[in-house]
PDB file of all heavy atoms in Angstrom:
ATOM      1  N   THR A   1      53.481 166.967  89.446  1.00  0.00           N
ATOM      2  CA  THR A   1      54.634 166.595  88.617  1.00  0.00           C
ATOM      3  C   THR A   1      54.240 165.518  87.615  1.00  0.00           C
ATOM      4  O   THR A   1      54.597 165.580  86.427  1.00  0.00           O
ATOM      5  CB  THR A   1      55.795 166.091  89.499  1.00  0.00           C
ATOM      6  OG1 THR A   1      56.149 167.117  90.409  1.00  0.00           O
ATOM      7  CG2 THR A   1      57.003 165.723  88.656  1.00  0.00           C
ATOM      8  N   PHE A   2      53.480 164.488  88.085  1.00  0.00           N
ATOM      9  CA  PHE A   2      52.979 163.463  87.167  1.00  0.00           C
ATOM     10  C   PHE A   2      52.153 164.117  86.065  1.00  0.00           C
ATOM     11  O   PHE A   2      52.308 163.817  84.874  1.00  0.00           O
ATOM     12  CB  PHE A   2      52.081 162.455  87.903  1.00  0.00           C
ATOM     13  CG  PHE A   2      52.776 161.564  88.890  1.00  0.00           C
ATOM     14  CD1 PHE A   2      52.025 160.800  89.778  1.00  0.00           C
ATOM     15  CD2 PHE A   2      54.148 161.462  88.944  1.00  0.00           C
ATOM     16  CE1 PHE A   2      52.646 159.962  90.692  1.00  0.00           C
ATOM     17  CE2 PHE A   2      54.782 160.631  89.855  1.00  0.00           C
ATOM     18  CZ  PHE A   2      54.018 159.889  90.732  1.00  0.00           C
ATOM     19  N   GLN A   3      51.246 165.018  86.470  1.00  0.00           N
ATOM     20  CA  GLN A   3      50.343 165.644  85.511  1.00  0.00           C
ATOM     21  C   GLN A   3      51.120 166.488  84.496  1.00  0.00           C
ATOM     22  O   GLN A   3      50.812 166.484  83.299  1.00  0.00           O
ATOM     23  CB  GLN A   3      49.319 166.520  86.243  1.00  0.00           C
ATOM     24  CG  GLN A   3      48.297 167.173  85.328  1.00  0.00           C
ATOM     25  CD  GLN A   3      47.365 166.150  84.694  1.00  0.00           C
ATOM     26  OE1 GLN A   3      46.831 165.289  85.377  1.00  0.00           O
ATOM     27  NE2 GLN A   3      47.178 166.238  83.374  1.00  0.00           N
ATOM     28  N   MET A   4      52.138 167.203  84.977  1.00  0.00           N
ATOM     29  CA  MET A   4      52.929 168.040  84.078  1.00  0.00           C
ATOM     30  C   MET A   4      53.632 167.179  83.025  1.00  0.00           C
ATOM     31  O   MET A   4      53.619 167.488  81.828  1.00  0.00           O
ATOM     32  CB  MET A   4      53.958 168.839  84.881  1.00  0.00           C
ATOM     33  CG  MET A   4      54.698 169.895  84.075  1.00  0.00           C
ATOM     34  SD  MET A   4      55.918 170.774  85.078  1.00  0.00           S
ATOM     35  CE  MET A   4      54.873 171.423  86.385  1.00  0.00           C
ATOM     36  N   SER A   5      54.232 166.065  83.472  1.00  0.00           N
ATOM     37  CA  SER A   5      54.902 165.166  82.523  1.00  0.00           C
ATOM     38  C   SER A   5      53.887 164.577  81.542  1.00  0.00           C
ATOM     39  O   SER A   5      54.163 164.443  80.347  1.00  0.00           O
ATOM     40  CB  SER A   5      55.613 164.043  83.278  1.00  0.00           C
ATOM     41  OG  SER A   5      56.625 164.558  84.100  1.00  0.00           O
ATOM     42  N   TRP A   6      52.715 164.231  82.068  1.00  0.00           N
ATOM     43  CA  TRP A   6      51.644 163.688  81.211  1.00  0.00           C
ATOM     44  C   TRP A   6      51.242 164.705  80.143  1.00  0.00           C
ATOM     45  O   TRP A   6      51.071 164.365  78.973  1.00  0.00           O
ATOM     46  CB  TRP A   6      50.454 163.326  82.094  1.00  0.00           C
ATOM     47  CG  TRP A   6      49.223 162.889  81.372  1.00  0.00           C
ATOM     48  CD1 TRP A   6      48.158 163.659  80.999  1.00  0.00           C
ATOM     49  CD2 TRP A   6      48.920 161.557  80.930  1.00  0.00           C
ATOM     50  NE1 TRP A   6      47.209 162.911  80.354  1.00  0.00           N
ATOM     51  CE2 TRP A   6      47.646 161.613  80.300  1.00  0.00           C
ATOM     52  CE3 TRP A   6      49.580 160.341  81.001  1.00  0.00           C
ATOM     53  CZ2 TRP A   6      47.035 160.490  79.753  1.00  0.00           C
ATOM     54  CZ3 TRP A   6      48.969 159.219  80.458  1.00  0.00           C
ATOM     55  CH2 TRP A   6      47.720 159.300  79.839  1.00  0.00           C
ATOM     56  N   ASP A   7      51.097 165.959  80.547  1.00  0.00           N
ATOM     57  CA  ASP A   7      50.693 167.009  79.607  1.00  0.00           C
ATOM     58  C   ASP A   7      51.752 167.255  78.537  1.00  0.00           C
ATOM     59  O   ASP A   7      51.426 167.553  77.386  1.00  0.00           O
ATOM     60  CB  ASP A   7      50.414 168.317  80.360  1.00  0.00           C
ATOM     61  CG  ASP A   7      49.146 168.247  81.200  1.00  0.00           C
ATOM     62  OD1 ASP A   7      48.287 167.382  80.905  1.00  0.00           O
ATOM     63  OD2 ASP A   7      49.023 169.028  82.162  1.00  0.00           O
ATOM     64  N   ILE A   8      53.023 167.127  78.927  1.00  0.00           N
ATOM     65  CA  ILE A   8      54.113 167.385  77.984  1.00  0.00           C
ATOM     66  C   ILE A   8      54.261 166.244  76.977  1.00  0.00           C
ATOM     67  O   ILE A   8      54.629 166.459  75.824  1.00  0.00           O
ATOM     68  CB  ILE A   8      55.448 167.587  78.751  1.00  0.00           C
ATOM     69  CG1 ILE A   8      55.395 168.888  79.562  1.00  0.00           C
ATOM     70  CG2 ILE A   8      56.638 167.614  77.806  1.00  0.00           C
ATOM     71  CD1 ILE A   8      56.547 169.039  80.527  1.00  0.00           C
ATOM     72  N   ALA A   9      53.968 165.024  77.399  1.00  0.00           N
ATOM     73  CA  ALA A   9      54.189 163.852  76.544  1.00  0.00           C
ATOM     74  C   ALA A   9      53.344 163.935  75.281  1.00  0.00           C
ATOM     75  O   ALA A   9      52.161 164.279  75.333  1.00  0.00           O
ATOM     76  CB  ALA A   9      53.851 162.573  77.307  1.00  0.00           C
ATOM     77  N   PRO A  10      53.931 163.617  74.116  1.00  0.00           N
ATOM     78  CA  PRO A  10      53.144 163.573  72.870  1.00  0.00           C
ATOM     79  C   PRO A  10      52.059 162.497  72.977  1.00  0.00           C
ATOM     80  O   PRO A  10      52.208 161.519  73.723  1.00  0.00           O
ATOM     81  CB  PRO A  10      54.179 163.198  71.804  1.00  0.00           C
ATOM     82  CG  PRO A  10      55.513 163.400  72.432  1.00  0.00           C
ATOM     83  CD  PRO A  10      55.331 163.240  73.907  1.00  0.00           C
ATOM     84  N   ASP A  11      50.988 162.666  72.232  1.00  0.00           N
ATOM     85  CA  ASP A  11      49.860 161.740  72.344  1.00  0.00           C
ATOM     86  C   ASP A  11      50.249 160.279  72.092  1.00  0.00           C
ATOM     87  O   ASP A  11      49.814 159.394  72.841  1.00  0.00           O
ATOM     88  CB  ASP A  11      48.729 162.152  71.406  1.00  0.00           C
ATOM     89  CG  ASP A  11      47.490 161.308  71.626  1.00  0.00           C
ATOM     90  OD1 ASP A  11      46.931 161.362  72.738  1.00  0.00           O
ATOM     91  OD2 ASP A  11      47.097 160.571  70.711  1.00  0.00           O
ATOM     92  N   PRO A  12      51.076 159.951  71.067  1.00  0.00           N
ATOM     93  CA  PRO A  12      51.430 158.530  70.877  1.00  0.00           C
ATOM     94  C   PRO A  12      52.150 157.937  72.092  1.00  0.00           C
ATOM     95  O   PRO A  12      51.910 156.778  72.458  1.00  0.00           O
ATOM     96  CB  PRO A  12      52.344 158.549  69.647  1.00  0.00           C
ATOM     97  CG  PRO A  12      51.968 159.789  68.916  1.00  0.00           C
ATOM     98  CD  PRO A  12      51.623 160.787  69.981  1.00  0.00           C
ATOM     99  N   ALA A  13      53.019 158.727  72.729  1.00  0.00           N
ATOM    100  CA  ALA A  13      53.705 158.244  73.924  1.00  0.00           C
ATOM    101  C   ALA A  13      52.714 158.064  75.070  1.00  0.00           C
ATOM    102  O   ALA A  13      52.808 157.128  75.864  1.00  0.00           O
ATOM    103  CB  ALA A  13      54.808 159.223  74.336  1.00  0.00           C
ATOM    104  N   ARG A  14      51.723 158.957  75.131  1.00  0.00           N
ATOM    105  CA  ARG A  14      50.691 158.833  76.160  1.00  0.00           C
ATOM    106  C   ARG A  14      49.897 157.540  75.985  1.00  0.00           C
ATOM    107  O   ARG A  14      49.490 156.908  76.955  1.00  0.00           O
ATOM    108  CB  ARG A  14      49.746 160.032  76.063  1.00  0.00           C
ATOM    109  CG  ARG A  14      49.740 160.889  77.317  1.00  0.00           C
ATOM    110  CD  ARG A  14      48.704 161.977  77.193  1.00  0.00           C
ATOM    111  NE  ARG A  14      49.322 163.191  76.711  1.00  0.00           N
ATOM    112  CZ  ARG A  14      48.652 164.262  76.315  1.00  0.00           C
ATOM    113  NH1 ARG A  14      47.330 164.250  76.315  1.00  0.00           N
ATOM    114  NH2 ARG A  14      49.282 165.322  75.915  1.00  0.00           N
ATOM    115  N   GLN A  15      49.672 157.155  74.722  1.00  0.00           N
ATOM    116  CA  GLN A  15      48.933 155.904  74.467  1.00  0.00           C
ATOM    117  C   GLN A  15      49.705 154.697  74.994  1.00  0.00           C
ATOM    118  O   GLN A  15      49.113 153.754  75.527  1.00  0.00           O
ATOM    119  CB  GLN A  15      48.653 155.743  72.970  1.00  0.00           C
ATOM    120  CG  GLN A  15      47.762 156.822  72.368  1.00  0.00           C
ATOM    121  CD  GLN A  15      46.479 157.030  73.134  1.00  0.00           C
ATOM    122  OE1 GLN A  15      45.776 156.077  73.462  1.00  0.00           O
ATOM    123  NE2 GLN A  15      46.166 158.286  73.443  1.00  0.00           N
ATOM    124  N   VAL A  16      51.020 154.721  74.844  1.00  0.00           N
ATOM    125  CA  VAL A  16      51.849 153.647  75.406  1.00  0.00           C
ATOM    126  C   VAL A  16      51.666 153.604  76.921  1.00  0.00           C
ATOM    127  O   VAL A  16      51.493 152.537  77.527  1.00  0.00           O
ATOM    128  CB  VAL A  16      53.341 153.855  75.053  1.00  0.00           C
ATOM    129  CG1 VAL A  16      54.222 152.828  75.772  1.00  0.00           C
ATOM    130  CG2 VAL A  16      53.546 153.764  73.541  1.00  0.00           C
ATOM    131  N   LEU A  17      51.688 154.771  77.547  1.00  0.00           N
ATOM    132  CA  LEU A  17      51.545 154.838  79.003  1.00  0.00           C
ATOM    133  C   LEU A  17      50.150 154.399  79.436  1.00  0.00           C
ATOM    134  O   LEU A  17      49.991 153.759  80.478  1.00  0.00           O
ATOM    135  CB  LEU A  17      51.841 156.259  79.475  1.00  0.00           C
ATOM    136  CG  LEU A  17      52.404 156.417  80.891  1.00  0.00           C
ATOM    137  CD1 LEU A  17      53.638 155.550  81.103  1.00  0.00           C
ATOM    138  CD2 LEU A  17      52.710 157.873  81.178  1.00  0.00           C
ATOM    139  N   ARG A  18      49.139 154.727  78.640  1.00  0.00           N
ATOM    140  CA  ARG A  18      47.776 154.276  78.968  1.00  0.00           C
ATOM    141  C   ARG A  18      47.717 152.743  79.016  1.00  0.00           C
ATOM    142  O   ARG A  18      47.066 152.164  79.886  1.00  0.00           O
ATOM    143  CB  ARG A  18      46.769 154.804  77.937  1.00  0.00           C
ATOM    144  CG  ARG A  18      46.434 156.289  78.078  1.00  0.00           C
ATOM    145  CD  ARG A  18      45.194 156.635  77.248  1.00  0.00           C
ATOM    146  NE  ARG A  18      44.955 158.059  77.157  1.00  0.00           N
ATOM    147  CZ  ARG A  18      44.330 158.791  78.078  1.00  0.00           C
ATOM    148  NH1 ARG A  18      43.911 158.209  79.198  1.00  0.00           N
ATOM    149  NH2 ARG A  18      44.121 160.090  77.891  1.00  0.00           N
ATOM    150  N   VAL A  19      48.387 152.098  78.057  1.00  0.00           N
ATOM    151  CA  VAL A  19      48.426 150.631  78.047  1.00  0.00           C
ATOM    152  C   VAL A  19      49.150 150.120  79.293  1.00  0.00           C
ATOM    153  O   VAL A  19      48.659 149.224  79.993  1.00  0.00           O
ATOM    154  CB  VAL A  19      49.116 150.116  76.767  1.00  0.00           C
ATOM    155  CG1 VAL A  19      49.451 148.631  76.884  1.00  0.00           C
ATOM    156  CG2 VAL A  19      48.226 150.377  75.555  1.00  0.00           C
ATOM    157  N   MET A  20      50.301 150.684  79.596  1.00  0.00           N
ATOM    158  CA  MET A  20      51.064 150.229  80.758  1.00  0.00           C
ATOM    159  C   MET A  20      50.254 150.414  82.046  1.00  0.00           C
ATOM    160  O   MET A  20      50.372 149.615  82.979  1.00  0.00           O
ATOM    161  CB  MET A  20      52.389 150.982  80.845  1.00  0.00           C
ATOM    162  CG  MET A  20      53.365 150.622  79.732  1.00  0.00           C
ATOM    163  SD  MET A  20      54.936 151.513  79.871  1.00  0.00           S
ATOM    164  CE  MET A  20      55.612 150.790  81.386  1.00  0.00           C
ATOM    165  N   GLY A  21      49.404 151.450  82.079  1.00  0.00           N
ATOM    166  CA  GLY A  21      48.593 151.702  83.258  1.00  0.00           C
ATOM    167  C   GLY A  21      47.605 150.595  83.561  1.00  0.00           C
ATOM    168  O   GLY A  21      47.167 150.451  84.705  1.00  0.00           O
ATOM    169  N   GLU A  22      47.236 149.802  82.562  1.00  0.00           N
ATOM    170  CA  GLU A  22      46.296 148.701  82.785  1.00  0.00           C
ATOM    171  C   GLU A  22      47.003 147.384  83.114  1.00  0.00           C
ATOM    172  O   GLU A  22      46.336 146.373  83.344  1.00  0.00           O
ATOM    173  CB  GLU A  22      45.410 148.506  81.544  1.00  0.00           C
ATOM    174  CG  GLU A  22      44.602 149.724  81.157  1.00  0.00           C
ATOM    175  CD  GLU A  22      43.664 150.201  82.257  1.00  0.00           C
ATOM    176  OE1 GLU A  22      43.241 149.379  83.090  1.00  0.00           O
ATOM    177  OE2 GLU A  22      43.357 151.412  82.291  1.00  0.00           O
ATOM    178  N   LEU A  23      48.342 147.412  83.136  1.00  0.00           N
ATOM    179  CA  LEU A  23      49.117 146.180  83.340  1.00  0.00           C
ATOM    180  C   LEU A  23      49.835 146.206  84.689  1.00  0.00           C
ATOM    181  O   LEU A  23      49.718 147.161  85.455  1.00  0.00           O
ATOM    182  CB  LEU A  23      50.099 146.005  82.175  1.00  0.00           C
ATOM    183  CG  LEU A  23      49.455 145.933  80.784  1.00  0.00           C
ATOM    184  CD1 LEU A  23      50.515 145.899  79.697  1.00  0.00           C
ATOM    185  CD2 LEU A  23      48.530 144.725  80.675  1.00  0.00           C
ATOM    186  N   ALA A  24      50.565 145.159  84.958  1.00  0.00           N
ATOM    187  CA  ALA A  24      51.232 144.999  86.256  1.00  0.00           C
ATOM    188  C   ALA A  24      52.441 145.937  86.369  1.00  0.00           C
ATOM    189  O   ALA A  24      52.998 146.364  85.348  1.00  0.00           O
ATOM    190  CB  ALA A  24      51.695 143.553  86.418  1.00  0.00           C
ATOM    191  N   PRO A  25      52.862 146.239  87.594  1.00  0.00           N
ATOM    192  CA  PRO A  25      54.084 147.036  87.787  1.00  0.00           C
ATOM    193  C   PRO A  25      55.326 146.175  87.562  1.00  0.00           C
ATOM    194  O   PRO A  25      56.114 145.932  88.468  1.00  0.00           O
ATOM    195  CB  PRO A  25      53.963 147.509  89.239  1.00  0.00           C
ATOM    196  CG  PRO A  25      53.128 146.472  89.903  1.00  0.00           C
ATOM    197  CD  PRO A  25      52.172 145.955  88.867  1.00  0.00           C
ATOM    198  N   ALA A  26      55.466 145.688  86.351  1.00  0.00           N
ATOM    199  CA  ALA A  26      56.580 144.823  85.935  1.00  0.00           C
ATOM    200  C   ALA A  26      56.952 145.230  84.517  1.00  0.00           C
ATOM    201  O   ALA A  26      56.166 145.891  83.830  1.00  0.00           O
ATOM    202  CB  ALA A  26      56.137 143.353  85.974  1.00  0.00           C
ATOM    203  N   PRO A  27      58.163 144.876  84.050  1.00  0.00           N
ATOM    204  CA  PRO A  27      58.521 145.210  82.671  1.00  0.00           C
ATOM    205  C   PRO A  27      57.472 144.716  81.677  1.00  0.00           C
ATOM    206  O   PRO A  27      56.959 143.595  81.811  1.00  0.00           O
ATOM    207  CB  PRO A  27      59.863 144.491  82.473  1.00  0.00           C
ATOM    208  CG  PRO A  27      60.438 144.403  83.854  1.00  0.00           C
ATOM    209  CD  PRO A  27      59.266 144.182  84.762  1.00  0.00           C
ATOM    210  N   VAL A  28      57.143 145.560  80.718  1.00  0.00           N
ATOM    211  CA  VAL A  28      56.142 145.203  79.698  1.00  0.00           C
ATOM    212  C   VAL A  28      56.880 144.884  78.404  1.00  0.00           C
ATOM    213  O   VAL A  28      57.545 145.755  77.834  1.00  0.00           O
ATOM    214  CB  VAL A  28      55.156 146.366  79.458  1.00  0.00           C
ATOM    215  CG1 VAL A  28      54.106 145.955  78.419  1.00  0.00           C
ATOM    216  CG2 VAL A  28      54.486 146.777  80.764  1.00  0.00           C
ATOM    217  N   PRO A  29      56.809 143.638  77.933  1.00  0.00           N
ATOM    218  CA  PRO A  29      57.543 143.277  76.705  1.00  0.00           C
ATOM    219  C   PRO A  29      57.125 144.143  75.520  1.00  0.00           C
ATOM    220  O   PRO A  29      55.943 144.411  75.312  1.00  0.00           O
ATOM    221  CB  PRO A  29      57.149 141.811  76.474  1.00  0.00           C
ATOM    222  CG  PRO A  29      56.690 141.316  77.807  1.00  0.00           C
ATOM    223  CD  PRO A  29      56.082 142.486  78.500  1.00  0.00           C
ATOM    224  N   ARG A  30      58.120 144.565  74.759  1.00  0.00           N
ATOM    225  CA  ARG A  30      57.805 145.375  73.566  1.00  0.00           C
ATOM    226  C   ARG A  30      56.899 144.615  72.617  1.00  0.00           C
ATOM    227  O   ARG A  30      56.052 145.218  71.952  1.00  0.00           O
ATOM    228  CB  ARG A  30      59.101 145.771  72.854  1.00  0.00           C
ATOM    229  CG  ARG A  30      59.928 146.786  73.635  1.00  0.00           C
ATOM    230  CD  ARG A  30      61.099 147.283  72.804  1.00  0.00           C
ATOM    231  NE  ARG A  30      61.945 148.185  73.591  1.00  0.00           N
ATOM    232  CZ  ARG A  30      62.491 149.298  73.115  1.00  0.00           C
ATOM    233  NH1 ARG A  30      62.300 149.643  71.866  1.00  0.00           N
ATOM    234  NH2 ARG A  30      63.240 150.055  73.884  1.00  0.00           N
ATOM    235  N   ARG A  31      57.067 143.294  72.534  1.00  0.00           N
ATOM    236  CA  ARG A  31      56.203 142.483  71.665  1.00  0.00           C
ATOM    237  C   ARG A  31      54.733 142.695  72.030  1.00  0.00           C
ATOM    238  O   ARG A  31      53.867 142.816  71.162  1.00  0.00           O
ATOM    239  CB  ARG A  31      56.581 141.002  71.810  1.00  0.00           C
ATOM    240  CG  ARG A  31      55.673 140.048  71.035  1.00  0.00           C
ATOM    241  CD  ARG A  31      55.950 138.598  71.426  1.00  0.00           C
ATOM    242  NE  ARG A  31      54.971 137.719  70.806  1.00  0.00           N
ATOM    243  CZ  ARG A  31      55.172 137.051  69.681  1.00  0.00           C
ATOM    244  NH1 ARG A  31      56.318 137.144  69.054  1.00  0.00           N
ATOM    245  NH2 ARG A  31      54.221 136.286  69.179  1.00  0.00           N
ATOM    246  N   LEU A  32      54.447 142.737  73.329  1.00  0.00           N
ATOM    247  CA  LEU A  32      53.070 142.930  73.782  1.00  0.00           C
ATOM    248  C   LEU A  32      52.585 144.340  73.441  1.00  0.00           C
ATOM    249  O   LEU A  32      51.460 144.519  72.965  1.00  0.00           O
ATOM    250  CB  LEU A  32      52.975 142.686  75.286  1.00  0.00           C
ATOM    251  CG  LEU A  32      51.594 142.893  75.907  1.00  0.00           C
ATOM    252  CD1 LEU A  32      50.576 141.939  75.304  1.00  0.00           C
ATOM    253  CD2 LEU A  32      51.647 142.716  77.427  1.00  0.00           C
ATOM    254  N   LEU A  33      53.416 145.341  73.672  1.00  0.00           N
ATOM    255  CA  LEU A  33      53.027 146.715  73.341  1.00  0.00           C
ATOM    256  C   LEU A  33      52.727 146.850  71.852  1.00  0.00           C
ATOM    257  O   LEU A  33      51.756 147.505  71.453  1.00  0.00           O
ATOM    258  CB  LEU A  33      54.135 147.684  73.748  1.00  0.00           C
ATOM    259  CG  LEU A  33      54.313 147.914  75.254  1.00  0.00           C
ATOM    260  CD1 LEU A  33      55.560 148.736  75.518  1.00  0.00           C
ATOM    261  CD2 LEU A  33      53.085 148.608  75.853  1.00  0.00           C
ATOM    262  N   ARG A  34      53.555 146.225  71.020  1.00  0.00           N
ATOM    263  CA  ARG A  34      53.327 146.300  69.572  1.00  0.00           C
ATOM    264  C   ARG A  34      51.988 145.657  69.210  1.00  0.00           C
ATOM    265  O   ARG A  34      51.238 146.159  68.359  1.00  0.00           O
ATOM    266  CB  ARG A  34      54.458 145.616  68.815  1.00  0.00           C
ATOM    267  CG  ARG A  34      55.793 146.350  68.905  1.00  0.00           C
ATOM    268  CD  ARG A  34      56.847 145.732  67.992  1.00  0.00           C
ATOM    269  NE  ARG A  34      58.155 146.314  68.254  1.00  0.00           N
ATOM    270  CZ  ARG A  34      58.549 147.512  67.817  1.00  0.00           C
ATOM    271  NH1 ARG A  34      57.718 148.244  67.103  1.00  0.00           N
ATOM    272  NH2 ARG A  34      59.750 147.964  68.095  1.00  0.00           N
ATOM    273  N   ALA A  35      51.682 144.520  69.857  1.00  0.00           N
ATOM    274  CA  ALA A  35      50.434 143.820  69.561  1.00  0.00           C
ATOM    275  C   ALA A  35      49.226 144.657  69.981  1.00  0.00           C
ATOM    276  O   ALA A  35      48.230 144.747  69.252  1.00  0.00           O
ATOM    277  CB  ALA A  35      50.414 142.469  70.280  1.00  0.00           C
ATOM    278  N   ILE A  36      49.303 145.289  71.145  1.00  0.00           N
ATOM    279  CA  ILE A  36      48.168 146.065  71.652  1.00  0.00           C
ATOM    280  C   ILE A  36      47.974 147.339  70.843  1.00  0.00           C
ATOM    281  O   ILE A  36      46.845 147.713  70.502  1.00  0.00           O
ATOM    282  CB  ILE A  36      48.376 146.405  73.146  1.00  0.00           C
ATOM    283  CG1 ILE A  36      48.337 145.122  73.994  1.00  0.00           C
ATOM    284  CG2 ILE A  36      47.330 147.400  73.630  1.00  0.00           C
ATOM    285  CD1 ILE A  36      48.782 145.316  75.420  1.00  0.00           C
TER     286      ILE A  36
END
């Protein structure tokens, strides 16, 4: 199910998720996502 959702997600959205994957299981500030 994870893989299916990953495959469906557009590449830019996947890049956001790749960043979140390297961070803590806590809310990620949009300011930080924009900077990265």
